[in-house]
Amino acid sequence: MSKWALVTGATSGIGESFTRLLARDGYSIVLVARDENRLLERAFALREKFGIETRVVRADLSTKEGLSEVENILHEMKIDVLINNAGYGLNKSFSQSDIADEQQVLDVLVTAPMRLCHIAVPQMKARNSGIIINVSSVAGFIAGGAYSAMKSYVTVLSESLHTELRGTDVKVMALCPGFTRTEFHQRAHMKMTGLPSFMWLDAEQLVRDGWADAQSGKAVSVPGWQYRVLLGVISILPRSVVRRVGMTMRKKQR
């Protein structure tokens, strides 16, 4: 019987890396994203290379219809691994952005993983098996605008579920990467030329590290020594300094 993993944002970046890692480990994959052509291409490549089954779900998680479609998949299928990865950012400060745009980001980054976890957790708990990885961000530990606030929710929810499920074989983890070489910043039209090269993470490596951390039962995974050092420094700085640093970094991206 096939083991199934569902990955949102499955056609590029961290999500796409997760689909290949899981397929290599023998999981069949439900790929969720908005671009149907890329979904079909990725699904075909996975089947050809790894000999697994795939299922393609074209869905916009910022819409009720799109989210409901993915929720229905979770109700219908036995999903062994859930990777809540879909996400994007806005290249405007909260005071200058359009409220409709902010709501869409909130729906994708917060509402979607919350609702999908709410379905998957009881199912996995009843089977006493399963892994959920919610892709958050180191931004959730600083005050870098609404994006930071949304990622903070994802991290804290994951930590809470990890504690709630202690004593079971269900594992929930927040994966909190820093700047990663994906399409994320390009899509948001963010200027990243000033970021030192050593601050960039490789998606393949962070996914391997994150998967190993999830399997070992960690609640939070922070890939990259540079970001673990950064969080260590943040933990001892006055919160007023952390707020200023967070907003300064946010401004430099615009």
C-alpha atoms as a PDB file:
ATOM      1  CA  MET A   1       0.000   0.000   0.000  1.00  0.00           C
ATOM      2  CA  SER A   2       1.386   3.400  -1.006  1.00  0.00           C
ATOM      3  CA  LYS A   3       2.432   5.965   1.550  1.00  0.00           C
ATOM      4  CA  TRP A   4       1.137   9.384   0.547  1.00  0.00           C
ATOM      5  CA  ALA A   5       2.510  12.863   1.158  1.00  0.00           C
ATOM      6  CA  LEU A   6       0.683  16.095   0.344  1.00  0.00           C
ATOM      7  CA  VAL A   7       2.819  19.141  -0.453  1.00  0.00           C
ATOM      8  CA  THR A   8       1.438  22.645  -1.012  1.00  0.00           C
ATOM      9  CA  GLY A   9       3.452  25.036  -3.135  1.00  0.00           C
ATOM     10  CA  ALA A  10       4.866  21.913  -4.759  1.00  0.00           C
ATOM     11  CA  THR A  11       6.147  23.257  -8.078  1.00  0.00           C
ATOM     12  CA  SER A  12       9.123  25.370  -7.017  1.00  0.00           C
ATOM     13  CA  GLY A  13      11.631  26.089  -4.273  1.00  0.00           C
ATOM     14  CA  ILE A  14      11.337  24.344  -0.925  1.00  0.00           C
ATOM     15  CA  GLY A  15       8.090  22.595  -1.843  1.00  0.00           C
ATOM     16  CA  GLU A  16       9.517  21.152  -5.041  1.00  0.00           C
ATOM     17  CA  SER A  17      12.601  19.965  -3.153  1.00  0.00           C
ATOM     18  CA  PHE A  18      10.338  18.225  -0.641  1.00  0.00           C
ATOM     19  CA  THR A  19       8.471  16.397  -3.427  1.00  0.00           C
ATOM     20  CA  ARG A  20      11.719  14.905  -4.728  1.00  0.00           C
ATOM     21  CA  LEU A  21      13.045  13.995  -1.279  1.00  0.00           C
ATOM     22  CA  LEU A  22       9.794  12.276  -0.323  1.00  0.00           C
ATOM     23  CA  ALA A  23       9.491  10.507  -3.675  1.00  0.00           C
ATOM     24  CA  ARG A  24      13.037   9.237  -3.227  1.00  0.00           C
ATOM     25  CA  ASP A  25      11.927   7.815   0.124  1.00  0.00           C
ATOM     26  CA  GLY A  26       9.065   5.960  -1.563  1.00  0.00           C
ATOM     27  CA  TYR A  27       6.162   8.314  -0.891  1.00  0.00           C
ATOM     28  CA  SER A  28       3.541   8.917  -3.548  1.00  0.00           C
ATOM     29  CA  ILE A  29       2.845  12.635  -3.820  1.00  0.00           C
ATOM     30  CA  VAL A  30      -0.200  14.884  -3.949  1.00  0.00           C
ATOM     31  CA  LEU A  31       1.119  18.084  -5.536  1.00  0.00           C
ATOM     32  CA  VAL A  32      -0.809  21.281  -4.795  1.00  0.00           C
ATOM     33  CA  ALA A  33      -0.124  24.590  -6.567  1.00  0.00           C
ATOM     34  CA  ARG A  34      -1.751  27.176  -8.830  1.00  0.00           C
ATOM     35  CA  ASP A  35       0.128  26.578 -12.101  1.00  0.00           C
ATOM     36  CA  GLU A  36      -1.384  23.542 -13.808  1.00  0.00           C
ATOM     37  CA  ASN A  37       1.336  23.204 -16.460  1.00  0.00           C
ATOM     38  CA  ARG A  38       4.106  23.166 -13.894  1.00  0.00           C
ATOM     39  CA  LEU A  39       2.123  20.743 -11.731  1.00  0.00           C
ATOM     40  CA  LEU A  40       1.799  18.308 -14.610  1.00  0.00           C
ATOM     41  CA  GLU A  41       5.488  18.653 -15.505  1.00  0.00           C
ATOM     42  CA  ARG A  42       6.614  18.038 -11.906  1.00  0.00           C
ATOM     43  CA  ALA A  43       4.249  15.110 -11.463  1.00  0.00           C
ATOM     44  CA  PHE A  44       5.450  13.471 -14.689  1.00  0.00           C
ATOM     45  CA  ALA A  45       9.101  13.938 -13.682  1.00  0.00           C
ATOM     46  CA  LEU A  46       8.475  12.336 -10.278  1.00  0.00           C
ATOM     47  CA  ARG A  47       6.692   9.342 -11.783  1.00  0.00           C
ATOM     48  CA  GLU A  48       9.413   8.836 -14.395  1.00  0.00           C
ATOM     49  CA  LYS A  49      12.364   9.123 -12.028  1.00  0.00           C
ATOM     50  CA  PHE A  50      11.038   7.464  -8.873  1.00  0.00           C
ATOM     51  CA  GLY A  51       8.243   5.200 -10.089  1.00  0.00           C
ATOM     52  CA  ILE A  52       5.700   6.579  -7.638  1.00  0.00           C
ATOM     53  CA  GLU A  53       2.050   7.565  -7.968  1.00  0.00           C
ATOM     54  CA  THR A  54       1.093  11.226  -8.135  1.00  0.00           C
ATOM     55  CA  ARG A  55      -2.054  13.280  -7.880  1.00  0.00           C
ATOM     56  CA  VAL A  56      -2.259  16.873  -9.101  1.00  0.00           C
ATOM     57  CA  VAL A  57      -4.465  19.476  -7.428  1.00  0.00           C
ATOM     58  CA  ARG A  58      -4.634  22.891  -9.036  1.00  0.00           C
ATOM     59  CA  ALA A  59      -5.775  25.153  -6.207  1.00  0.00           C
ATOM     60  CA  ASP A  60      -5.367  28.743  -5.074  1.00  0.00           C
ATOM     61  CA  LEU A  61      -5.216  28.550  -1.283  1.00  0.00           C
ATOM     62  CA  SER A  62      -6.179  32.205  -0.937  1.00  0.00           C
ATOM     63  CA  THR A  63      -9.699  31.253  -2.082  1.00  0.00           C
ATOM     64  CA  LYS A  64     -12.352  29.289  -0.227  1.00  0.00           C
ATOM     65  CA  GLU A  65     -12.840  27.067  -3.252  1.00  0.00           C
ATOM     66  CA  GLY A  66      -9.152  26.238  -3.580  1.00  0.00           C
ATOM     67  CA  LEU A  67      -8.690  25.525   0.116  1.00  0.00           C
ATOM     68  CA  SER A  68     -11.847  23.398   0.215  1.00  0.00           C
ATOM     69  CA  GLU A  69     -10.516  21.272  -2.633  1.00  0.00           C
ATOM     70  CA  VAL A  70      -7.365  20.457  -0.663  1.00  0.00           C
ATOM     71  CA  GLU A  71      -9.379  19.871   2.512  1.00  0.00           C
ATOM     72  CA  ASN A  72     -11.473  17.346   0.610  1.00  0.00           C
ATOM     73  CA  ILE A  73      -8.318  15.488  -0.438  1.00  0.00           C
ATOM     74  CA  LEU A  74      -7.296  15.185   3.221  1.00  0.00           C
ATOM     75  CA  HIS A  75     -10.734  13.831   4.089  1.00  0.00           C
ATOM     76  CA  GLU A  76     -10.684  11.339   1.198  1.00  0.00           C
ATOM     77  CA  MET A  77      -7.122  10.004   1.391  1.00  0.00           C
ATOM     78  CA  LYS A  78      -4.807   8.605   4.031  1.00  0.00           C
ATOM     79  CA  ILE A  79      -2.060  11.217   4.088  1.00  0.00           C
ATOM     80  CA  ASP A  80       1.062  10.126   5.942  1.00  0.00           C
ATOM     81  CA  VAL A  81       3.028  13.363   5.508  1.00  0.00           C
ATOM     82  CA  LEU A  82       1.687  16.902   5.195  1.00  0.00           C
ATOM     83  CA  ILE A  83       4.020  19.693   4.086  1.00  0.00           C
ATOM     84  CA  ASN A  84       2.379  23.120   4.442  1.00  0.00           C
ATOM     85  CA  ASN A  85       4.761  25.104   2.273  1.00  0.00           C
ATOM     86  CA  ALA A  86       2.729  27.420   0.020  1.00  0.00           C
ATOM     87  CA  GLY A  87       3.449  31.081   0.604  1.00  0.00           C
ATOM     88  CA  TYR A  88       4.551  34.437  -0.712  1.00  0.00           C
ATOM     89  CA  GLY A  89       5.222  37.954   0.515  1.00  0.00           C
ATOM     90  CA  LEU A  90       4.327  41.537  -0.338  1.00  0.00           C
ATOM     91  CA  ASN A  91       6.838  44.206  -1.251  1.00  0.00           C
ATOM     92  CA  LYS A  92       4.991  46.983   0.596  1.00  0.00           C
ATOM     93  CA  SER A  93       4.808  48.042   4.215  1.00  0.00           C
ATOM     94  CA  PHE A  94       1.573  47.292   6.074  1.00  0.00           C
ATOM     95  CA  SER A  95       0.564  50.972   6.097  1.00  0.00           C
ATOM     96  CA  GLN A  96       0.967  51.216   2.309  1.00  0.00           C
ATOM     97  CA  SER A  97      -0.397  47.864   1.186  1.00  0.00           C
ATOM     98  CA  ASP A  98      -3.865  47.044  -0.085  1.00  0.00           C
ATOM     99  CA  ILE A  99      -6.022  45.285   2.501  1.00  0.00           C
ATOM    100  CA  ALA A 100      -7.208  42.742  -0.068  1.00  0.00           C
ATOM    101  CA  ASP A 101      -3.589  41.777  -0.746  1.00  0.00           C
ATOM    102  CA  GLU A 102      -2.880  41.458   2.980  1.00  0.00           C
ATOM    103  CA  GLN A 103      -5.937  39.241   3.400  1.00  0.00           C
ATOM    104  CA  GLN A 104      -4.826  36.960   0.577  1.00  0.00           C
ATOM    105  CA  VAL A 105      -1.367  36.508   2.101  1.00  0.00           C
ATOM    106  CA  LEU A 106      -2.950  35.825   5.503  1.00  0.00           C
ATOM    107  CA  ASP A 107      -5.229  33.201   3.972  1.00  0.00           C
ATOM    108  CA  VAL A 108      -2.305  31.387   2.328  1.00  0.00           C
ATOM    109  CA  LEU A 109       0.234  31.687   5.164  1.00  0.00           C
ATOM    110  CA  VAL A 110      -2.057  31.279   8.183  1.00  0.00           C
ATOM    111  CA  THR A 111      -5.587  30.107   7.355  1.00  0.00           C
ATOM    112  CA  ALA A 112      -4.559  27.337   4.962  1.00  0.00           C
ATOM    113  CA  PRO A 113      -1.996  25.576   7.213  1.00  0.00           C
ATOM    114  CA  MET A 114      -4.258  25.997  10.241  1.00  0.00           C
ATOM    115  CA  ARG A 115      -7.234  24.387   8.514  1.00  0.00           C
ATOM    116  CA  LEU A 116      -5.202  21.605   6.910  1.00  0.00           C
ATOM    117  CA  CYS A 117      -3.558  20.801  10.240  1.00  0.00           C
ATOM    118  CA  HIS A 118      -6.992  20.762  11.880  1.00  0.00           C
ATOM    119  CA  ILE A 119      -8.037  17.970   9.535  1.00  0.00           C
ATOM    120  CA  ALA A 120      -4.764  16.032   9.442  1.00  0.00           C
ATOM    121  CA  VAL A 121      -3.903  16.018  13.154  1.00  0.00           C
ATOM    122  CA  PRO A 122      -6.958  14.028  14.397  1.00  0.00           C
ATOM    123  CA  GLN A 123      -6.535  11.522  11.553  1.00  0.00           C
ATOM    124  CA  MET A 124      -2.858  10.999  12.297  1.00  0.00           C
ATOM    125  CA  LYS A 125      -3.533  10.851  16.022  1.00  0.00           C
ATOM    126  CA  ALA A 126      -6.134   8.129  15.490  1.00  0.00           C
ATOM    127  CA  ARG A 127      -3.581   6.108  13.481  1.00  0.00           C
ATOM    128  CA  ASN A 128      -0.760   7.083  15.856  1.00  0.00           C
ATOM    129  CA  SER A 129       1.502   7.935  12.926  1.00  0.00           C
ATOM    130  CA  GLY A 130       2.271  10.852  10.632  1.00  0.00           C
ATOM    131  CA  ILE A 131       4.492  13.851  10.088  1.00  0.00           C
ATOM    132  CA  ILE A 132       3.454  17.473   9.557  1.00  0.00           C
ATOM    133  CA  ILE A 133       6.004  20.099   8.580  1.00  0.00           C
ATOM    134  CA  ASN A 134       4.783  23.685   8.539  1.00  0.00           C
ATOM    135  CA  VAL A 135       7.224  25.847   6.618  1.00  0.00           C
ATOM    136  CA  SER A 136       7.616  28.998   8.674  1.00  0.00           C
ATOM    137  CA  SER A 137      10.551  31.439   8.705  1.00  0.00           C
ATOM    138  CA  VAL A 138      13.182  33.008  10.948  1.00  0.00           C
ATOM    139  CA  ALA A 139      11.196  36.170  10.184  1.00  0.00           C
ATOM    140  CA  GLY A 140       8.714  34.891  12.756  1.00  0.00           C
ATOM    141  CA  PHE A 141      11.228  35.604  15.517  1.00  0.00           C
ATOM    142  CA  ILE A 142      11.633  39.285  14.609  1.00  0.00           C
ATOM    143  CA  ALA A 143       9.241  42.188  14.060  1.00  0.00           C
ATOM    144  CA  GLY A 144       9.523  42.579  10.315  1.00  0.00           C
ATOM    145  CA  GLY A 145       5.976  43.523   9.384  1.00  0.00           C
ATOM    146  CA  ALA A 146       2.824  41.486   8.836  1.00  0.00           C
ATOM    147  CA  TYR A 147       4.801  38.647   7.219  1.00  0.00           C
ATOM    148  CA  SER A 148       6.743  38.151  10.465  1.00  0.00           C
ATOM    149  CA  ALA A 149       3.499  38.112  12.436  1.00  0.00           C
ATOM    150  CA  MET A 150       1.999  35.477  10.162  1.00  0.00           C
ATOM    151  CA  LYS A 151       5.060  33.260  10.350  1.00  0.00           C
ATOM    152  CA  SER A 152       5.134  33.644  14.121  1.00  0.00           C
ATOM    153  CA  TYR A 153       1.616  32.168  14.206  1.00  0.00           C
ATOM    154  CA  VAL A 154       2.761  29.186  12.144  1.00  0.00           C
ATOM    155  CA  THR A 155       5.747  28.543  14.407  1.00  0.00           C
ATOM    156  CA  VAL A 156       3.782  28.810  17.659  1.00  0.00           C
ATOM    157  CA  LEU A 157       0.922  26.659  16.355  1.00  0.00           C
ATOM    158  CA  SER A 158       3.438  23.996  15.342  1.00  0.00           C
ATOM    159  CA  GLU A 159       5.135  24.105  18.740  1.00  0.00           C
ATOM    160  CA  SER A 160       1.770  23.829  20.480  1.00  0.00           C
ATOM    161  CA  LEU A 161       0.730  20.825  18.396  1.00  0.00           C
ATOM    162  CA  HIS A 162       4.118  19.225  18.998  1.00  0.00           C
ATOM    163  CA  THR A 163       3.517  19.494  22.747  1.00  0.00           C
ATOM    164  CA  GLU A 164      -0.110  18.349  22.496  1.00  0.00           C
ATOM    165  CA  LEU A 165       0.963  15.228  20.599  1.00  0.00           C
ATOM    166  CA  ARG A 166       3.832  14.358  22.902  1.00  0.00           C
ATOM    167  CA  GLY A 167       3.684  10.665  23.744  1.00  0.00           C
ATOM    168  CA  THR A 168       2.292   9.751  20.326  1.00  0.00           C
ATOM    169  CA  ASP A 169       4.086   8.833  17.092  1.00  0.00           C
ATOM    170  CA  VAL A 170       2.700  11.917  15.332  1.00  0.00           C
ATOM    171  CA  LYS A 171       5.350  14.536  14.695  1.00  0.00           C
ATOM    172  CA  VAL A 172       4.657  18.233  14.040  1.00  0.00           C
ATOM    173  CA  MET A 173       7.466  20.672  13.331  1.00  0.00           C
ATOM    174  CA  ALA A 174       7.984  24.249  12.200  1.00  0.00           C
ATOM    175  CA  LEU A 175      10.725  24.562   9.596  1.00  0.00           C
ATOM    176  CA  CYS A 176      12.148  28.085   9.900  1.00  0.00           C
ATOM    177  CA  PRO A 177      14.579  28.898   7.097  1.00  0.00           C
ATOM    178  CA  GLY A 178      16.186  32.252   6.419  1.00  0.00           C
ATOM    179  CA  PHE A 179      16.904  33.656   2.964  1.00  0.00           C
ATOM    180  CA  THR A 180      16.789  30.750   0.519  1.00  0.00           C
ATOM    181  CA  ARG A 181      17.573  30.590  -3.173  1.00  0.00           C
ATOM    182  CA  THR A 182      14.060  30.114  -4.576  1.00  0.00           C
ATOM    183  CA  GLU A 183      11.602  32.194  -6.638  1.00  0.00           C
ATOM    184  CA  PHE A 184      10.159  33.781  -3.487  1.00  0.00           C
ATOM    185  CA  HIS A 185      11.935  37.154  -3.593  1.00  0.00           C
ATOM    186  CA  GLN A 186      11.800  37.421  -7.371  1.00  0.00           C
ATOM    187  CA  ARG A 187       8.026  36.966  -7.361  1.00  0.00           C
ATOM    188  CA  ALA A 188       7.642  39.667  -4.709  1.00  0.00           C
ATOM    189  CA  HIS A 189       9.968  42.024  -6.636  1.00  0.00           C
ATOM    190  CA  MET A 190      12.249  42.316  -3.623  1.00  0.00           C
ATOM    191  CA  LYS A 191      15.758  43.725  -4.052  1.00  0.00           C
ATOM    192  CA  MET A 192      18.178  41.261  -2.497  1.00  0.00           C
ATOM    193  CA  THR A 193      21.453  42.337  -4.117  1.00  0.00           C
ATOM    194  CA  GLY A 194      22.822  43.733  -0.859  1.00  0.00           C
ATOM    195  CA  LEU A 195      22.533  40.457   1.042  1.00  0.00           C
ATOM    196  CA  PRO A 196      25.920  38.760   1.646  1.00  0.00           C
ATOM    197  CA  SER A 197      26.268  35.464  -0.198  1.00  0.00           C
ATOM    198  CA  PHE A 198      26.905  33.498   3.003  1.00  0.00           C
ATOM    199  CA  MET A 199      23.373  34.344   4.209  1.00  0.00           C
ATOM    200  CA  TRP A 200      21.741  32.431   1.368  1.00  0.00           C
ATOM    201  CA  LEU A 201      20.597  28.868   2.022  1.00  0.00           C
ATOM    202  CA  ASP A 202      20.345  26.034  -0.486  1.00  0.00           C
ATOM    203  CA  ALA A 203      16.809  24.641  -0.721  1.00  0.00           C
ATOM    204  CA  GLU A 204      17.974  21.053  -1.214  1.00  0.00           C
ATOM    205  CA  GLN A 205      20.167  21.070   1.869  1.00  0.00           C
ATOM    206  CA  LEU A 206      17.650  22.783   4.151  1.00  0.00           C
ATOM    207  CA  VAL A 207      14.960  20.316   3.090  1.00  0.00           C
ATOM    208  CA  ARG A 208      17.241  17.369   3.884  1.00  0.00           C
ATOM    209  CA  ASP A 209      18.104  18.886   7.262  1.00  0.00           C
ATOM    210  CA  GLY A 210      14.482  19.766   7.987  1.00  0.00           C
ATOM    211  CA  TRP A 211      13.236  16.279   7.135  1.00  0.00           C
ATOM    212  CA  ALA A 212      15.860  14.712   9.397  1.00  0.00           C
ATOM    213  CA  ASP A 213      14.869  17.079  12.226  1.00  0.00           C
ATOM    214  CA  ALA A 214      11.179  16.243  11.789  1.00  0.00           C
ATOM    215  CA  GLN A 215      11.857  12.515  11.869  1.00  0.00           C
ATOM    216  CA  SER A 216      13.909  12.927  15.030  1.00  0.00           C
ATOM    217  CA  GLY A 217      11.005  14.678  16.753  1.00  0.00           C
ATOM    218  CA  LYS A 218      12.153  18.290  16.880  1.00  0.00           C
ATOM    219  CA  ALA A 219       9.525  20.991  17.390  1.00  0.00           C
ATOM    220  CA  VAL A 220      11.415  23.703  15.502  1.00  0.00           C
ATOM    221  CA  SER A 221      14.127  23.389  12.866  1.00  0.00           C
ATOM    222  CA  VAL A 222      16.327  26.353  11.930  1.00  0.00           C
ATOM    223  CA  PRO A 223      18.537  25.383   8.986  1.00  0.00           C
ATOM    224  CA  GLY A 224      21.944  27.017   8.615  1.00  0.00           C
ATOM    225  CA  TRP A 225      24.537  27.913  11.238  1.00  0.00           C
ATOM    226  CA  GLN A 226      24.220  31.600  10.328  1.00  0.00           C
ATOM    227  CA  TYR A 227      20.552  31.694  11.286  1.00  0.00           C
ATOM    228  CA  ARG A 228      21.052  29.706  14.456  1.00  0.00           C
ATOM    229  CA  VAL A 229      23.684  32.285  15.455  1.00  0.00           C
ATOM    230  CA  LEU A 230      21.301  35.088  14.512  1.00  0.00           C
ATOM    231  CA  LEU A 231      18.533  33.669  16.692  1.00  0.00           C
ATOM    232  CA  GLY A 232      20.980  33.250  19.559  1.00  0.00           C
ATOM    233  CA  VAL A 233      21.863  36.933  19.316  1.00  0.00           C
ATOM    234  CA  ILE A 234      18.207  37.943  19.017  1.00  0.00           C
ATOM    235  CA  SER A 235      17.368  36.016  22.171  1.00  0.00           C
ATOM    236  CA  ILE A 236      19.657  38.200  24.284  1.00  0.00           C
ATOM    237  CA  LEU A 237      19.019  41.569  22.641  1.00  0.00           C
ATOM    238  CA  PRO A 238      16.433  44.001  24.036  1.00  0.00           C
ATOM    239  CA  ARG A 239      13.179  43.625  22.157  1.00  0.00           C
ATOM    240  CA  SER A 240      13.330  47.299  21.136  1.00  0.00           C
ATOM    241  CA  VAL A 241      16.559  46.562  19.237  1.00  0.00           C
ATOM    242  CA  VAL A 242      15.065  43.456  17.628  1.00  0.00           C
ATOM    243  CA  ARG A 243      12.123  45.531  16.389  1.00  0.00           C
ATOM    244  CA  ARG A 244      14.414  48.121  14.804  1.00  0.00           C
ATOM    245  CA  VAL A 245      16.579  45.486  13.150  1.00  0.00           C
ATOM    246  CA  GLY A 246      13.536  43.670  11.813  1.00  0.00           C
ATOM    247  CA  MET A 247      12.045  46.739  10.198  1.00  0.00           C
ATOM    248  CA  THR A 248      15.432  47.839   8.827  1.00  0.00           C
ATOM    249  CA  MET A 249      15.843  44.488   7.097  1.00  0.00           C
ATOM    250  CA  ARG A 250      12.297  44.753   5.752  1.00  0.00           C
ATOM    251  CA  LYS A 251      12.975  48.190   4.234  1.00  0.00           C
ATOM    252  CA  LYS A 252      16.147  47.013   2.504  1.00  0.00           C
ATOM    253  CA  GLN A 253      14.131  44.426   0.570  1.00  0.00           C
ATOM    254  CA  ARG A 254      11.959  47.057  -1.095  1.00  0.00           C
END
